[in-house]
Amino acid sequence: MGAPFVGTHFDGPLVSGDQRFRVGSTPANIGVADLVQQCTLTAGTVSALLSVPQQSMLLNFFVDTLIAFNSQTSAVVSVGATNGATTYVQSATVATTGRVIPTFTTAQLSAMLNVNSTTNVFATVTQVGTAATTGLAVVTMFYGQTTRG
């Protein structure tokens, strides 16, 4: 059984606002809450799995490198719908410490708007040259669980 769950759990999207439907010229103002998940990548664990509910929209990613990956030539993080894919993030460097907020291609933004039934999100470190013996990065995924059905 795992560790006890502490917190309040919602089965559906958390929405907020006081105008659910358009009334005359006043638009609806219901919005979904931003949610966050994180995973850790190390020199020994170069792939991690996150998961989002179906129909979610991915809003952004941060890649925080706390200890640089010391692979011989380069080390980058990609985030995608399958292990090693670049569906959402391509080539965020983890060879130096600091935060990377990636820029997105049109195809990535389109994929992030609605994951449909693709609920797995993989973060992967790709290293070139001799594999790293040190390295620590935290990938933070921001997303919203939409009301689409």
N, C-alpha and C. Protein backbone atom coordinates (compact mmCIF):
# COMPACT_ATOMS: atom_id res chain seq x y z
N MET A 1 0.85 -1.18 0.00
CA MET A 1 0.00 0.00 0.00
C MET A 1 0.88 1.23 0.00
N GLY A 2 1.14 2.11 -0.27
CA GLY A 2 2.08 3.22 -0.21
C GLY A 2 1.85 4.14 0.96
N ALA A 3 2.51 5.22 0.95
CA ALA A 3 2.39 6.21 2.01
C ALA A 3 0.97 6.78 2.01
N PRO A 4 0.49 7.20 3.19
CA PRO A 4 -0.87 7.75 3.24
C PRO A 4 -0.97 9.03 2.41
N PHE A 5 -2.12 9.22 1.80
CA PHE A 5 -2.37 10.41 0.99
C PHE A 5 -2.82 11.53 1.92
N VAL A 6 -2.15 12.67 1.83
CA VAL A 6 -2.52 13.82 2.64
C VAL A 6 -2.96 14.92 1.68
N GLY A 7 -4.17 15.43 1.85
CA GLY A 7 -4.66 16.50 0.99
C GLY A 7 -6.12 16.27 0.65
N THR A 8 -6.65 17.16 -0.15
CA THR A 8 -8.03 17.06 -0.61
C THR A 8 -8.00 16.58 -2.05
N HIS A 9 -8.79 15.58 -2.35
CA HIS A 9 -8.79 14.96 -3.67
C HIS A 9 -10.06 15.33 -4.43
N PHE A 10 -9.91 15.66 -5.71
CA PHE A 10 -11.04 15.93 -6.60
C PHE A 10 -10.96 14.95 -7.76
N ASP A 11 -12.08 14.35 -8.13
CA ASP A 11 -12.10 13.42 -9.26
C ASP A 11 -12.19 14.15 -10.60
N GLY A 12 -12.74 15.32 -10.61
CA GLY A 12 -12.89 16.07 -11.85
C GLY A 12 -12.11 17.36 -11.78
N PRO A 13 -12.22 18.19 -12.81
CA PRO A 13 -11.47 19.44 -12.82
C PRO A 13 -11.96 20.39 -11.72
N LEU A 14 -11.02 21.13 -11.16
CA LEU A 14 -11.33 22.16 -10.19
C LEU A 14 -11.56 23.45 -10.97
N VAL A 15 -12.79 23.95 -10.93
CA VAL A 15 -13.14 25.16 -11.68
C VAL A 15 -13.53 26.26 -10.72
N SER A 16 -13.36 27.49 -11.18
CA SER A 16 -13.68 28.64 -10.35
C SER A 16 -14.27 29.73 -11.23
N GLY A 17 -15.13 30.53 -10.65
CA GLY A 17 -15.77 31.64 -11.35
C GLY A 17 -17.23 31.74 -10.93
N ASP A 18 -17.85 32.87 -11.20
CA ASP A 18 -19.24 33.04 -10.76
C ASP A 18 -20.23 33.14 -11.91
N GLN A 19 -19.74 33.03 -13.15
CA GLN A 19 -20.62 33.15 -14.32
C GLN A 19 -20.38 31.92 -15.20
N ARG A 20 -21.19 30.87 -14.98
CA ARG A 20 -20.96 29.61 -15.69
C ARG A 20 -21.31 29.69 -17.17
N PHE A 21 -22.36 30.43 -17.50
CA PHE A 21 -22.81 30.53 -18.88
C PHE A 21 -22.86 32.00 -19.31
N ARG A 22 -22.76 32.22 -20.59
CA ARG A 22 -22.91 33.57 -21.14
C ARG A 22 -24.33 34.05 -20.88
N VAL A 23 -24.47 35.29 -20.40
CA VAL A 23 -25.78 35.90 -20.20
C VAL A 23 -25.77 37.22 -20.94
N GLY A 24 -26.53 37.29 -22.04
CA GLY A 24 -26.52 38.49 -22.87
C GLY A 24 -25.12 38.75 -23.40
N SER A 25 -24.58 39.93 -23.11
CA SER A 25 -23.24 40.27 -23.58
C SER A 25 -22.16 39.96 -22.53
N THR A 26 -22.57 39.40 -21.38
CA THR A 26 -21.61 39.06 -20.33
C THR A 26 -21.13 37.62 -20.55
N PRO A 27 -19.83 37.46 -20.83
CA PRO A 27 -19.32 36.11 -21.09
C PRO A 27 -19.18 35.29 -19.82
N ALA A 28 -19.13 33.99 -19.99
CA ALA A 28 -18.84 33.10 -18.86
C ALA A 28 -17.42 33.39 -18.38
N ASN A 29 -17.16 33.18 -17.08
CA ASN A 29 -15.82 33.45 -16.56
C ASN A 29 -15.29 32.28 -15.73
N ILE A 30 -15.76 31.10 -16.05
CA ILE A 30 -15.28 29.90 -15.35
C ILE A 30 -13.92 29.51 -15.91
N GLY A 31 -12.98 29.21 -15.02
CA GLY A 31 -11.65 28.77 -15.44
C GLY A 31 -11.21 27.57 -14.63
N VAL A 32 -10.24 26.85 -15.15
CA VAL A 32 -9.73 25.67 -14.45
C VAL A 32 -8.48 26.04 -13.67
N ALA A 33 -8.23 25.32 -12.58
CA ALA A 33 -7.06 25.56 -11.74
C ALA A 33 -5.81 25.01 -12.42
N ASP A 34 -4.69 25.71 -12.22
CA ASP A 34 -3.39 25.19 -12.66
C ASP A 34 -2.94 24.12 -11.68
N LEU A 35 -2.43 23.04 -12.20
CA LEU A 35 -1.93 21.93 -11.38
C LEU A 35 -0.46 21.70 -11.72
N VAL A 36 0.26 21.10 -10.80
CA VAL A 36 1.70 20.92 -10.96
C VAL A 36 2.10 19.51 -10.57
N GLN A 37 3.00 18.92 -11.35
CA GLN A 37 3.65 17.65 -10.98
C GLN A 37 5.13 17.80 -11.26
N GLN A 38 5.93 17.06 -10.48
CA GLN A 38 7.38 17.10 -10.67
C GLN A 38 7.95 15.70 -10.72
N CYS A 39 9.08 15.58 -11.38
CA CYS A 39 9.85 14.34 -11.36
C CYS A 39 11.33 14.71 -11.28
N THR A 40 12.12 13.78 -10.80
CA THR A 40 13.55 14.01 -10.63
C THR A 40 14.32 13.09 -11.57
N LEU A 41 15.32 13.67 -12.23
CA LEU A 41 16.21 12.92 -13.11
C LEU A 41 17.62 13.02 -12.54
N THR A 42 18.33 11.90 -12.52
CA THR A 42 19.70 11.88 -12.02
C THR A 42 20.59 11.18 -13.03
N ALA A 43 21.89 11.19 -12.75
CA ALA A 43 22.83 10.49 -13.64
C ALA A 43 22.47 9.00 -13.72
N GLY A 44 21.89 8.45 -12.66
CA GLY A 44 21.52 7.04 -12.65
C GLY A 44 20.09 6.76 -13.09
N THR A 45 19.22 7.78 -13.05
CA THR A 45 17.81 7.63 -13.44
C THR A 45 17.52 8.67 -14.50
N VAL A 46 17.67 8.29 -15.76
CA VAL A 46 17.59 9.27 -16.84
C VAL A 46 16.22 9.34 -17.51
N SER A 47 15.23 8.66 -16.93
CA SER A 47 13.88 8.74 -17.47
C SER A 47 12.89 8.67 -16.32
N ALA A 48 11.82 9.46 -16.41
CA ALA A 48 10.78 9.46 -15.37
C ALA A 48 9.43 9.64 -16.04
N LEU A 49 8.42 9.12 -15.39
CA LEU A 49 7.06 9.15 -15.93
C LEU A 49 6.17 10.03 -15.06
N LEU A 50 5.47 10.95 -15.70
CA LEU A 50 4.41 11.74 -15.08
C LEU A 50 3.11 11.31 -15.75
N SER A 51 1.98 11.66 -15.15
CA SER A 51 0.71 11.27 -15.73
C SER A 51 -0.32 12.37 -15.51
N VAL A 52 -1.11 12.65 -16.53
CA VAL A 52 -2.18 13.65 -16.43
C VAL A 52 -3.51 13.00 -16.80
N PRO A 53 -4.62 13.57 -16.32
CA PRO A 53 -5.93 13.05 -16.72
C PRO A 53 -6.18 13.28 -18.21
N GLN A 54 -7.01 12.44 -18.80
CA GLN A 54 -7.39 12.63 -20.20
C GLN A 54 -7.96 14.02 -20.41
N GLN A 55 -7.79 14.57 -21.60
CA GLN A 55 -8.29 15.88 -22.02
C GLN A 55 -7.59 17.05 -21.34
N SER A 56 -6.50 16.81 -20.62
CA SER A 56 -5.78 17.90 -19.97
C SER A 56 -5.07 18.77 -21.00
N MET A 57 -4.80 20.00 -20.60
CA MET A 57 -3.96 20.88 -21.43
C MET A 57 -2.67 21.13 -20.65
N LEU A 58 -1.55 20.95 -21.34
CA LEU A 58 -0.25 21.19 -20.73
C LEU A 58 0.09 22.66 -20.93
N LEU A 59 0.45 23.33 -19.85
CA LEU A 59 0.64 24.78 -19.89
C LEU A 59 2.11 25.20 -20.03
N ASN A 60 3.00 24.51 -19.33
CA ASN A 60 4.40 24.89 -19.37
C ASN A 60 5.24 23.82 -18.70
N PHE A 61 6.54 23.92 -18.87
CA PHE A 61 7.51 23.04 -18.22
C PHE A 61 8.68 23.89 -17.74
N PHE A 62 9.23 23.54 -16.58
CA PHE A 62 10.50 24.08 -16.11
C PHE A 62 11.45 22.90 -15.99
N VAL A 63 12.70 23.11 -16.33
CA VAL A 63 13.75 22.12 -16.09
C VAL A 63 14.78 22.82 -15.20
N ASP A 64 14.82 22.43 -13.93
CA ASP A 64 15.74 23.01 -12.96
C ASP A 64 16.91 22.05 -12.74
N THR A 65 18.10 22.46 -13.17
CA THR A 65 19.29 21.63 -12.99
C THR A 65 20.00 22.10 -11.73
N LEU A 66 20.02 21.24 -10.72
CA LEU A 66 20.64 21.56 -9.44
C LEU A 66 22.10 21.11 -9.39
N ILE A 67 22.41 20.01 -10.06
CA ILE A 67 23.78 19.52 -10.23
C ILE A 67 23.93 19.21 -11.72
N ALA A 68 24.88 19.86 -12.36
CA ALA A 68 25.05 19.69 -13.81
C ALA A 68 25.39 18.24 -14.15
N PHE A 69 24.83 17.74 -15.25
CA PHE A 69 25.17 16.42 -15.76
C PHE A 69 26.53 16.54 -16.44
N ASN A 70 27.48 15.72 -16.01
CA ASN A 70 28.86 15.84 -16.50
C ASN A 70 29.18 14.86 -17.63
N SER A 71 28.20 14.59 -18.48
CA SER A 71 28.49 13.72 -19.63
C SER A 71 29.51 14.41 -20.53
N GLN A 72 30.21 13.64 -21.32
CA GLN A 72 31.37 14.14 -22.05
C GLN A 72 31.06 15.31 -22.97
N THR A 73 30.02 15.22 -23.79
CA THR A 73 29.76 16.24 -24.79
C THR A 73 28.55 17.11 -24.44
N SER A 74 27.39 16.48 -24.20
CA SER A 74 26.19 17.26 -23.90
C SER A 74 25.18 16.39 -23.16
N ALA A 75 24.23 17.05 -22.54
CA ALA A 75 23.11 16.37 -21.88
C ALA A 75 21.90 17.29 -21.99
N VAL A 76 20.81 16.76 -22.52
CA VAL A 76 19.59 17.55 -22.69
C VAL A 76 18.38 16.74 -22.23
N VAL A 77 17.36 17.45 -21.79
CA VAL A 77 16.09 16.83 -21.39
C VAL A 77 15.08 17.03 -22.51
N SER A 78 14.36 15.97 -22.81
CA SER A 78 13.21 16.07 -23.70
C SER A 78 12.00 15.58 -22.91
N VAL A 79 10.82 16.08 -23.29
CA VAL A 79 9.58 15.64 -22.65
C VAL A 79 8.61 15.29 -23.76
N GLY A 80 8.03 14.09 -23.66
CA GLY A 80 7.14 13.67 -24.73
C GLY A 80 6.11 12.66 -24.30
N ALA A 81 5.29 12.27 -25.25
CA ALA A 81 4.21 11.31 -25.00
C ALA A 81 4.73 9.88 -24.91
N THR A 82 5.96 9.64 -25.37
CA THR A 82 6.61 8.34 -25.22
C THR A 82 8.03 8.60 -24.73
N ASN A 83 8.67 7.56 -24.23
CA ASN A 83 10.01 7.70 -23.69
C ASN A 83 10.98 8.17 -24.77
N GLY A 84 11.67 9.29 -24.52
CA GLY A 84 12.62 9.83 -25.47
C GLY A 84 12.03 10.76 -26.52
N ALA A 85 10.72 10.90 -26.55
CA ALA A 85 10.08 11.75 -27.56
C ALA A 85 10.21 13.23 -27.20
N THR A 86 10.01 14.09 -28.20
CA THR A 86 10.06 15.54 -28.01
C THR A 86 8.70 16.18 -28.28
N THR A 87 7.64 15.45 -27.98
CA THR A 87 6.29 15.93 -28.24
C THR A 87 6.04 17.30 -27.62
N TYR A 88 6.60 17.53 -26.41
CA TYR A 88 6.32 18.77 -25.67
C TYR A 88 7.55 19.64 -25.45
N VAL A 89 8.71 19.05 -25.19
CA VAL A 89 9.94 19.80 -24.94
C VAL A 89 11.08 19.11 -25.67
N GLN A 90 11.92 19.93 -26.31
CA GLN A 90 13.08 19.40 -27.02
C GLN A 90 14.34 20.11 -26.55
N SER A 91 15.34 19.37 -26.15
CA SER A 91 16.70 19.87 -25.93
C SER A 91 16.84 20.95 -24.86
N ALA A 92 16.28 20.75 -23.68
CA ALA A 92 16.54 21.65 -22.56
C ALA A 92 17.83 21.19 -21.89
N THR A 93 18.86 22.01 -21.93
CA THR A 93 20.16 21.59 -21.45
C THR A 93 20.19 21.37 -19.95
N VAL A 94 20.88 20.29 -19.55
CA VAL A 94 21.12 20.02 -18.13
C VAL A 94 22.62 19.87 -17.88
N ALA A 95 23.42 20.37 -18.82
CA ALA A 95 24.88 20.31 -18.69
C ALA A 95 25.40 21.44 -17.81
N THR A 96 24.56 22.43 -17.54
CA THR A 96 24.90 23.52 -16.63
C THR A 96 23.75 23.71 -15.64
N THR A 97 24.04 24.27 -14.48
CA THR A 97 23.00 24.47 -13.48
C THR A 97 22.13 25.66 -13.86
N GLY A 98 20.91 25.66 -13.35
CA GLY A 98 19.99 26.77 -13.59
C GLY A 98 18.64 26.27 -14.06
N ARG A 99 17.76 27.21 -14.34
CA ARG A 99 16.40 26.90 -14.81
C ARG A 99 16.29 27.15 -16.30
N VAL A 100 15.72 26.18 -16.99
CA VAL A 100 15.40 26.33 -18.41
C VAL A 100 13.89 26.34 -18.54
N ILE A 101 13.37 27.40 -19.15
CA ILE A 101 11.95 27.46 -19.53
C ILE A 101 11.95 27.37 -21.05
N PRO A 102 11.55 26.23 -21.57
CA PRO A 102 11.71 26.00 -23.01
C PRO A 102 10.81 26.90 -23.86
N THR A 103 11.26 27.11 -25.09
CA THR A 103 10.40 27.70 -26.11
C THR A 103 9.79 26.53 -26.87
N PHE A 104 8.60 26.72 -27.39
CA PHE A 104 7.85 25.63 -28.00
C PHE A 104 7.63 25.88 -29.48
N THR A 105 7.63 24.78 -30.24
CA THR A 105 7.29 24.85 -31.65
C THR A 105 5.76 24.87 -31.79
N THR A 106 5.29 25.20 -32.96
CA THR A 106 3.86 25.18 -33.22
C THR A 106 3.29 23.77 -33.01
N ALA A 107 4.00 22.76 -33.45
CA ALA A 107 3.54 21.38 -33.27
C ALA A 107 3.47 21.02 -31.78
N GLN A 108 4.45 21.46 -31.00
CA GLN A 108 4.42 21.18 -29.56
C GLN A 108 3.25 21.89 -28.89
N LEU A 109 3.03 23.15 -29.23
CA LEU A 109 1.91 23.89 -28.65
C LEU A 109 0.58 23.23 -29.01
N SER A 110 0.46 22.78 -30.23
CA SER A 110 -0.76 22.10 -30.65
C SER A 110 -0.99 20.82 -29.84
N ALA A 111 0.08 20.05 -29.63
CA ALA A 111 -0.03 18.82 -28.84
C ALA A 111 -0.36 19.12 -27.38
N MET A 112 0.13 20.24 -26.87
CA MET A 112 -0.09 20.60 -25.47
C MET A 112 -1.50 21.10 -25.21
N LEU A 113 -2.21 21.59 -26.23
CA LEU A 113 -3.55 22.14 -26.03
C LEU A 113 -4.54 21.11 -25.52
N ASN A 114 -4.37 19.87 -25.94
CA ASN A 114 -5.28 18.81 -25.49
C ASN A 114 -4.57 17.48 -25.68
N VAL A 115 -4.23 16.83 -24.57
CA VAL A 115 -3.52 15.55 -24.67
C VAL A 115 -4.45 14.42 -25.09
N ASN A 116 -5.75 14.71 -25.20
CA ASN A 116 -6.75 13.70 -25.55
C ASN A 116 -6.64 12.51 -24.60
N SER A 117 -6.40 11.33 -25.11
CA SER A 117 -6.31 10.15 -24.24
C SER A 117 -4.87 9.78 -23.91
N THR A 118 -3.90 10.59 -24.36
CA THR A 118 -2.49 10.34 -24.06
C THR A 118 -2.19 10.89 -22.68
N THR A 119 -2.16 10.03 -21.67
CA THR A 119 -2.02 10.52 -20.30
C THR A 119 -0.60 10.41 -19.76
N ASN A 120 0.26 9.65 -20.41
CA ASN A 120 1.64 9.52 -19.96
C ASN A 120 2.50 10.65 -20.51
N VAL A 121 3.33 11.21 -19.65
CA VAL A 121 4.27 12.25 -20.03
C VAL A 121 5.64 11.81 -19.53
N PHE A 122 6.56 11.58 -20.46
CA PHE A 122 7.90 11.07 -20.12
C PHE A 122 8.92 12.20 -20.18
N ALA A 123 9.75 12.30 -19.16
CA ALA A 123 10.91 13.20 -19.17
C ALA A 123 12.15 12.33 -19.29
N THR A 124 13.02 12.66 -20.23
CA THR A 124 14.18 11.82 -20.53
C THR A 124 15.43 12.67 -20.71
N VAL A 125 16.54 12.23 -20.11
CA VAL A 125 17.84 12.87 -20.35
C VAL A 125 18.55 12.08 -21.45
N THR A 126 18.99 12.79 -22.49
CA THR A 126 19.80 12.19 -23.54
C THR A 126 21.21 12.75 -23.41
N GLN A 127 22.19 11.84 -23.32
CA GLN A 127 23.58 12.24 -23.13
C GLN A 127 24.39 11.85 -24.36
N VAL A 128 25.33 12.71 -24.71
CA VAL A 128 26.23 12.44 -25.83
C VAL A 128 27.64 12.31 -25.25
N GLY A 129 28.34 11.28 -25.68
CA GLY A 129 29.68 11.03 -25.15
C GLY A 129 29.59 10.13 -23.93
N THR A 130 30.62 10.14 -23.12
CA THR A 130 30.65 9.32 -21.92
C THR A 130 29.48 9.71 -21.01
N ALA A 131 28.76 8.71 -20.48
CA ALA A 131 27.59 8.96 -19.64
C ALA A 131 27.99 9.71 -18.37
N ALA A 132 27.07 10.54 -17.90
CA ALA A 132 27.30 11.34 -16.70
C ALA A 132 27.42 10.45 -15.47
N THR A 133 28.27 10.86 -14.56
CA THR A 133 28.39 10.20 -13.25
C THR A 133 27.74 11.05 -12.17
N THR A 134 27.51 12.33 -12.45
CA THR A 134 26.77 13.20 -11.55
C THR A 134 25.73 13.95 -12.36
N GLY A 135 24.69 14.39 -11.69
CA GLY A 135 23.65 15.17 -12.33
C GLY A 135 22.35 15.05 -11.56
N LEU A 136 21.65 16.17 -11.42
CA LEU A 136 20.36 16.20 -10.73
C LEU A 136 19.51 17.30 -11.35
N ALA A 137 18.38 16.92 -11.92
CA ALA A 137 17.46 17.89 -12.52
C ALA A 137 16.04 17.56 -12.08
N VAL A 138 15.25 18.60 -11.88
CA VAL A 138 13.84 18.45 -11.54
C VAL A 138 13.02 19.03 -12.68
N VAL A 139 12.13 18.22 -13.24
CA VAL A 139 11.24 18.67 -14.31
C VAL A 139 9.89 18.96 -13.68
N THR A 140 9.41 20.19 -13.86
CA THR A 140 8.11 20.59 -13.33
C THR A 140 7.16 20.78 -14.50
N MET A 141 6.00 20.11 -14.42
CA MET A 141 4.98 20.19 -15.46
C MET A 141 3.78 20.93 -14.90
N PHE A 142 3.34 21.97 -15.62
CA PHE A 142 2.16 22.72 -15.26
C PHE A 142 1.04 22.34 -16.22
N TYR A 143 -0.13 22.03 -15.69
CA TYR A 143 -1.21 21.61 -16.57
C TYR A 143 -2.57 21.99 -15.97
N GLY A 144 -3.59 21.93 -16.77
CA GLY A 144 -4.96 22.16 -16.32
C GLY A 144 -5.81 20.98 -16.76
N GLN A 145 -6.65 20.53 -15.86
CA GLN A 145 -7.60 19.47 -16.20
C GLN A 145 -8.85 20.15 -16.73
N THR A 146 -9.11 20.00 -18.01
CA THR A 146 -10.20 20.76 -18.64
C THR A 146 -11.56 20.11 -18.40
N THR A 147 -12.58 20.83 -18.79
CA THR A 147 -13.94 20.32 -18.67
C THR A 147 -14.41 19.67 -19.96
N ARG A 148 -13.50 19.50 -20.95
CA ARG A 148 -13.86 18.79 -22.18
C ARG A 148 -14.17 17.34 -21.84
N GLY A 149 -15.05 16.73 -22.57
CA GLY A 149 -15.35 15.35 -22.29
C GLY A 149 -15.35 14.53 -23.45
